[in-house]
């Protein structure tokens, strides 16, 4: 009884074709998912940074700023909360400076009216 054993060097081209075909099919099936996840991940980073830059630009120009909120699932939620707290502190300081500039005391009356009374 003779056994047919083919040498490895003769089987190698067939194995390479099978492996290459399997890899190509796998990559073709997985590539759309990789691309979609890459876009989704980059938007979770870029979206908050873009919003943050706009708020900082508005603050620098003295424009009124609404509280910064990011989409659910975006990164840096804590950064938005801290920026909102900083904006609130700046807003309170600005109001205090304006009221002092207009000569109002704590009760809201101007110093000139108090002098007349």
N, C-alpha and C. Protein backbone atom coordinates (compact mmCIF):
# COMPACT_ATOMS: atom_id res chain seq x y z
N UNK A 1 0.84 -1.16 0.00
CA UNK A 1 0.00 0.00 0.00
C UNK A 1 0.90 1.24 0.00
N UNK A 2 0.72 1.99 -0.99
CA UNK A 2 1.55 3.17 -1.16
C UNK A 2 0.78 4.40 -0.67
N UNK A 3 1.44 5.21 0.09
CA UNK A 3 0.82 6.45 0.54
C UNK A 3 1.32 7.59 -0.33
N UNK A 4 0.42 8.44 -0.62
CA UNK A 4 0.78 9.58 -1.44
C UNK A 4 1.09 10.76 -0.54
N UNK A 5 2.31 11.06 -0.40
CA UNK A 5 2.73 12.21 0.40
C UNK A 5 3.36 13.20 -0.55
N UNK A 6 2.75 14.37 -0.59
CA UNK A 6 3.32 15.41 -1.46
C UNK A 6 4.24 16.28 -0.63
N UNK A 7 5.31 16.68 -1.21
CA UNK A 7 6.24 17.52 -0.46
C UNK A 7 5.64 18.90 -0.15
N UNK A 8 6.16 19.50 0.89
CA UNK A 8 5.69 20.81 1.37
C UNK A 8 5.82 21.89 0.30
N UNK A 9 6.86 21.88 -0.43
CA UNK A 9 7.10 22.91 -1.44
C UNK A 9 6.05 22.86 -2.54
N UNK A 10 5.43 21.71 -2.76
CA UNK A 10 4.36 21.62 -3.76
C UNK A 10 3.03 22.09 -3.19
N UNK A 11 2.81 21.96 -1.89
CA UNK A 11 1.55 22.38 -1.27
C UNK A 11 1.53 23.87 -0.94
N UNK A 12 2.68 24.47 -0.83
CA UNK A 12 2.78 25.88 -0.42
C UNK A 12 1.99 26.85 -1.32
N UNK A 13 2.04 26.78 -2.62
CA UNK A 13 1.25 27.71 -3.45
C UNK A 13 -0.26 27.60 -3.20
N UNK A 14 -0.76 26.42 -3.00
CA UNK A 14 -2.19 26.24 -2.72
C UNK A 14 -2.56 26.86 -1.37
N UNK A 15 -1.71 26.64 -0.38
CA UNK A 15 -1.97 27.21 0.95
C UNK A 15 -1.94 28.73 0.88
N UNK A 16 -0.97 29.28 0.16
CA UNK A 16 -0.88 30.74 0.04
C UNK A 16 -2.11 31.33 -0.62
N UNK A 17 -2.62 30.69 -1.66
CA UNK A 17 -3.84 31.18 -2.32
C UNK A 17 -5.03 31.14 -1.37
N UNK A 18 -5.16 30.07 -0.60
CA UNK A 18 -6.27 29.97 0.35
C UNK A 18 -6.18 31.04 1.44
N UNK A 19 -4.99 31.24 1.97
CA UNK A 19 -4.79 32.25 3.02
C UNK A 19 -5.04 33.65 2.46
N UNK A 20 -4.52 33.91 1.29
CA UNK A 20 -4.71 35.23 0.69
C UNK A 20 -6.19 35.49 0.41
N UNK A 21 -6.91 34.50 -0.07
CA UNK A 21 -8.34 34.65 -0.34
C UNK A 21 -9.10 34.91 0.96
N UNK A 22 -8.80 34.16 1.99
CA UNK A 22 -9.48 34.35 3.28
C UNK A 22 -9.19 35.73 3.86
N UNK A 23 -7.93 36.16 3.79
CA UNK A 23 -7.57 37.49 4.31
C UNK A 23 -8.26 38.60 3.52
N UNK A 24 -8.30 38.46 2.21
CA UNK A 24 -8.93 39.48 1.38
C UNK A 24 -10.42 39.58 1.70
N UNK A 25 -11.09 38.46 1.80
CA UNK A 25 -12.52 38.47 2.14
C UNK A 25 -12.75 39.06 3.53
N UNK A 26 -11.92 38.71 4.48
CA UNK A 26 -12.07 39.24 5.84
C UNK A 26 -11.89 40.75 5.86
N UNK A 27 -10.86 41.24 5.18
CA UNK A 27 -10.63 42.69 5.15
C UNK A 27 -11.75 43.42 4.44
N UNK A 28 -12.26 42.84 3.37
CA UNK A 28 -13.35 43.50 2.65
C UNK A 28 -14.61 43.58 3.50
N UNK A 29 -14.84 42.58 4.33
CA UNK A 29 -16.01 42.60 5.20
C UNK A 29 -15.82 43.54 6.39
N UNK A 30 -14.60 43.61 6.92
CA UNK A 30 -14.35 44.40 8.12
C UNK A 30 -14.00 45.86 7.85
N UNK A 31 -13.52 46.18 6.66
CA UNK A 31 -13.09 47.54 6.35
C UNK A 31 -14.19 48.58 6.56
N UNK A 32 -15.42 48.37 6.10
CA UNK A 32 -16.46 49.38 6.35
C UNK A 32 -16.69 49.63 7.85
N UNK A 33 -16.62 48.59 8.65
CA UNK A 33 -16.80 48.76 10.09
C UNK A 33 -15.64 49.55 10.69
N UNK A 34 -14.43 49.29 10.26
CA UNK A 34 -13.27 50.05 10.74
C UNK A 34 -13.39 51.52 10.37
N UNK A 35 -13.81 51.80 9.15
CA UNK A 35 -13.95 53.19 8.71
C UNK A 35 -15.03 53.89 9.51
N UNK A 36 -16.17 53.25 9.70
CA UNK A 36 -17.26 53.84 10.47
C UNK A 36 -16.83 54.14 11.90
N UNK A 37 -16.17 53.19 12.54
CA UNK A 37 -15.71 53.40 13.92
C UNK A 37 -14.65 54.48 14.01
N UNK A 38 -13.81 54.59 13.01
CA UNK A 38 -12.80 55.65 13.00
C UNK A 38 -13.44 57.02 12.93
N UNK A 39 -14.43 57.18 12.06
CA UNK A 39 -15.14 58.46 11.98
C UNK A 39 -15.87 58.77 13.27
N UNK A 40 -16.51 57.79 13.84
CA UNK A 40 -17.24 58.00 15.09
C UNK A 40 -16.29 58.41 16.22
N UNK A 41 -15.17 57.75 16.32
CA UNK A 41 -14.20 58.08 17.36
C UNK A 41 -13.62 59.48 17.15
N UNK A 42 -13.29 59.82 15.92
CA UNK A 42 -12.72 61.14 15.67
C UNK A 42 -13.74 62.24 15.94
N UNK A 43 -15.02 62.00 15.66
CA UNK A 43 -16.04 63.01 15.95
C UNK A 43 -16.23 63.20 17.45
N UNK A 44 -16.00 62.16 18.23
CA UNK A 44 -16.12 62.29 19.69
C UNK A 44 -15.01 63.16 20.25
N UNK A 45 -13.88 63.25 19.55
CA UNK A 45 -12.78 64.12 19.95
C UNK A 45 -12.93 65.51 19.35
N UNK A 46 -13.17 65.58 18.06
CA UNK A 46 -13.13 66.85 17.33
C UNK A 46 -14.34 67.72 17.66
N UNK A 47 -15.50 67.15 17.83
CA UNK A 47 -16.71 67.94 18.11
C UNK A 47 -16.56 68.79 19.37
N UNK A 48 -16.18 68.21 20.50
CA UNK A 48 -16.01 69.01 21.71
C UNK A 48 -14.92 70.08 21.58
N UNK A 49 -13.83 69.76 20.89
CA UNK A 49 -12.76 70.73 20.74
C UNK A 49 -13.24 71.92 19.91
N UNK A 50 -14.01 71.65 18.87
CA UNK A 50 -14.54 72.72 18.03
C UNK A 50 -15.48 73.62 18.83
N UNK A 51 -16.36 73.02 19.61
CA UNK A 51 -17.27 73.81 20.45
C UNK A 51 -16.50 74.63 21.48
N UNK A 52 -15.50 74.03 22.08
CA UNK A 52 -14.69 74.71 23.09
C UNK A 52 -13.98 75.91 22.47
N UNK A 53 -13.41 75.74 21.30
CA UNK A 53 -12.74 76.86 20.63
C UNK A 53 -13.71 78.00 20.36
N UNK A 54 -14.94 77.68 19.94
CA UNK A 54 -15.92 78.73 19.65
C UNK A 54 -16.29 79.49 20.91
N UNK A 55 -16.48 78.78 22.02
CA UNK A 55 -16.83 79.44 23.28
C UNK A 55 -15.68 80.33 23.74
N UNK A 56 -14.46 79.84 23.64
CA UNK A 56 -13.31 80.65 24.05
C UNK A 56 -13.16 81.88 23.15
N UNK A 57 -13.42 81.72 21.87
CA UNK A 57 -13.37 82.86 20.95
C UNK A 57 -14.43 83.90 21.32
N UNK A 58 -15.64 83.43 21.62
CA UNK A 58 -16.71 84.35 22.01
C UNK A 58 -16.38 85.07 23.31
N UNK A 59 -15.79 84.34 24.26
CA UNK A 59 -15.40 84.96 25.53
C UNK A 59 -14.35 86.04 25.31
N UNK A 60 -13.39 85.76 24.45
CA UNK A 60 -12.32 86.72 24.19
C UNK A 60 -12.86 87.99 23.53
N UNK A 61 -13.92 87.84 22.73
CA UNK A 61 -14.51 88.99 22.05
C UNK A 61 -15.55 89.69 22.90
N UNK A 62 -15.84 89.18 24.09
CA UNK A 62 -16.80 89.81 24.99
C UNK A 62 -18.25 89.50 24.65
N UNK A 63 -18.49 88.51 23.82
CA UNK A 63 -19.86 88.13 23.45
C UNK A 63 -20.47 87.31 24.58
N UNK A 64 -21.80 87.34 24.70
CA UNK A 64 -22.44 86.48 25.71
C UNK A 64 -22.27 85.01 25.33
N UNK A 65 -22.08 84.19 26.34
CA UNK A 65 -21.81 82.77 26.12
C UNK A 65 -22.84 81.95 26.86
N UNK A 66 -23.45 81.01 26.15
CA UNK A 66 -24.38 80.09 26.82
C UNK A 66 -23.58 78.92 27.37
N UNK A 67 -24.11 78.20 28.35
CA UNK A 67 -23.37 77.07 28.93
C UNK A 67 -23.00 76.04 27.85
N UNK A 68 -21.82 75.52 27.95
CA UNK A 68 -21.29 74.57 26.99
C UNK A 68 -21.76 73.17 27.34
N UNK A 69 -22.38 72.50 26.39
CA UNK A 69 -22.81 71.11 26.57
C UNK A 69 -22.32 70.30 25.38
N UNK A 70 -21.84 69.11 25.67
CA UNK A 70 -21.40 68.21 24.62
C UNK A 70 -22.45 67.13 24.42
N UNK A 71 -22.35 66.45 23.29
CA UNK A 71 -23.28 65.36 23.01
C UNK A 71 -23.00 64.19 23.95
N UNK A 72 -24.02 63.38 24.15
CA UNK A 72 -23.84 62.19 24.98
C UNK A 72 -22.83 61.27 24.30
N UNK A 73 -21.85 60.81 25.05
CA UNK A 73 -20.82 59.93 24.52
C UNK A 73 -19.57 60.66 24.08
N UNK A 74 -19.61 62.00 24.03
CA UNK A 74 -18.41 62.75 23.67
C UNK A 74 -17.42 62.72 24.83
N UNK A 75 -16.16 62.89 24.48
CA UNK A 75 -15.14 62.96 25.50
C UNK A 75 -15.11 64.35 26.11
N UNK A 76 -14.47 64.47 27.23
CA UNK A 76 -14.20 65.74 27.91
C UNK A 76 -15.46 66.41 28.47
N UNK A 77 -16.38 65.65 29.01
CA UNK A 77 -17.57 66.23 29.66
C UNK A 77 -17.16 67.08 30.85
N UNK A 78 -16.14 66.62 31.59
CA UNK A 78 -15.69 67.37 32.77
C UNK A 78 -15.12 68.73 32.37
N UNK A 79 -14.48 68.79 31.21
CA UNK A 79 -13.93 70.05 30.75
C UNK A 79 -15.05 71.06 30.48
N UNK A 80 -16.14 70.62 29.95
CA UNK A 80 -17.28 71.51 29.71
C UNK A 80 -17.83 72.04 31.03
N UNK A 81 -17.94 71.16 32.03
CA UNK A 81 -18.44 71.59 33.33
C UNK A 81 -17.52 72.63 33.96
N UNK A 82 -16.22 72.39 33.87
CA UNK A 82 -15.27 73.34 34.47
C UNK A 82 -15.25 74.66 33.72
N UNK A 83 -15.38 74.62 32.41
CA UNK A 83 -15.44 75.86 31.64
C UNK A 83 -16.71 76.63 32.00
N UNK A 84 -17.82 75.93 32.17
CA UNK A 84 -19.06 76.60 32.56
C UNK A 84 -18.93 77.26 33.93
N UNK A 85 -18.24 76.60 34.86
CA UNK A 85 -18.02 77.22 36.17
C UNK A 85 -17.15 78.45 36.05
N UNK A 86 -16.10 78.38 35.23
CA UNK A 86 -15.22 79.53 35.04
C UNK A 86 -15.97 80.69 34.39
N UNK A 87 -16.81 80.40 33.43
CA UNK A 87 -17.60 81.46 32.77
C UNK A 87 -18.54 82.10 33.78
N UNK A 88 -19.12 81.30 34.66
CA UNK A 88 -20.03 81.86 35.67
C UNK A 88 -19.28 82.78 36.62
N UNK A 89 -18.07 82.39 37.02
CA UNK A 89 -17.27 83.26 37.89
C UNK A 89 -16.94 84.56 37.18
N UNK A 90 -16.54 84.47 35.91
CA UNK A 90 -16.25 85.68 35.14
C UNK A 90 -17.48 86.57 35.00
N UNK A 91 -18.63 85.96 34.79
CA UNK A 91 -19.87 86.72 34.66
C UNK A 91 -20.19 87.47 35.96
N UNK A 92 -20.01 86.79 37.10
CA UNK A 92 -20.27 87.45 38.38
C UNK A 92 -19.29 88.59 38.62
N UNK A 93 -18.02 88.36 38.28
CA UNK A 93 -17.02 89.43 38.46
C UNK A 93 -17.33 90.61 37.55
N UNK A 94 -17.75 90.35 36.34
CA UNK A 94 -18.09 91.42 35.40
C UNK A 94 -19.29 92.23 35.91
N UNK A 95 -20.29 91.52 36.44
CA UNK A 95 -21.46 92.23 37.00
C UNK A 95 -21.06 93.08 38.20
N UNK A 96 -20.17 92.56 39.04
CA UNK A 96 -19.72 93.33 40.20
C UNK A 96 -18.95 94.57 39.75
N UNK A 97 -18.11 94.42 38.74
CA UNK A 97 -17.36 95.57 38.23
C UNK A 97 -18.28 96.61 37.61
N UNK A 98 -19.28 96.15 36.86
CA UNK A 98 -20.22 97.09 36.23
C UNK A 98 -21.03 97.82 37.28
N UNK A 99 -21.49 97.10 38.30
CA UNK A 99 -22.28 97.77 39.32
C UNK A 99 -21.41 98.75 40.12
N UNK A 100 -20.14 98.42 40.32
CA UNK A 100 -19.24 99.34 41.01
C UNK A 100 -18.95 100.56 40.13
N UNK A 101 -18.85 100.34 38.84
CA UNK A 101 -18.57 101.44 37.92
C UNK A 101 -19.74 102.42 37.85
N UNK A 102 -20.95 101.91 37.98
CA UNK A 102 -22.12 102.77 37.93
C UNK A 102 -22.46 103.34 39.29
N UNK A 103 -21.69 103.00 40.32
CA UNK A 103 -21.86 103.58 41.64
C UNK A 103 -23.02 103.00 42.42
N UNK A 104 -23.33 101.73 42.22
CA UNK A 104 -24.39 101.10 42.99
C UNK A 104 -23.80 100.44 44.23
N UNK A 105 -24.57 100.50 45.31
CA UNK A 105 -24.12 99.76 46.49
C UNK A 105 -24.80 98.41 46.51
N UNK A 106 -24.71 97.70 47.63
CA UNK A 106 -25.24 96.35 47.71
C UNK A 106 -26.76 96.31 47.56
N UNK A 107 -27.46 97.37 47.94
CA UNK A 107 -28.91 97.38 47.87
C UNK A 107 -29.42 97.75 46.49
N UNK A 108 -28.53 98.10 45.59
CA UNK A 108 -28.96 98.43 44.25
C UNK A 108 -29.22 99.92 44.06
N UNK A 109 -29.08 100.72 45.06
CA UNK A 109 -29.29 102.18 44.94
C UNK A 109 -27.98 102.83 44.51
N UNK A 110 -28.09 103.87 43.77
CA UNK A 110 -26.86 104.57 43.41
C UNK A 110 -26.41 105.44 44.57
N UNK A 111 -25.14 105.75 44.64
CA UNK A 111 -24.59 106.54 45.72
C UNK A 111 -25.14 107.97 45.66
N UNK A 112 -25.42 108.45 44.46
CA UNK A 112 -25.96 109.80 44.33
C UNK A 112 -27.35 109.90 44.94
N UNK A 113 -28.17 108.87 44.75
CA UNK A 113 -29.50 108.89 45.34
C UNK A 113 -29.42 108.82 46.84
N UNK A 114 -28.47 108.04 47.38
CA UNK A 114 -28.31 107.93 48.82
C UNK A 114 -27.89 109.26 49.43
N UNK A 115 -27.05 109.99 48.72
CA UNK A 115 -26.59 111.28 49.20
C UNK A 115 -27.77 112.25 49.26
N UNK A 116 -28.69 112.16 48.32
CA UNK A 116 -29.82 113.09 48.27
C UNK A 116 -30.82 112.77 49.38
N UNK A 117 -30.89 111.57 49.84
CA UNK A 117 -31.87 111.17 50.86
C UNK A 117 -31.37 111.53 52.17
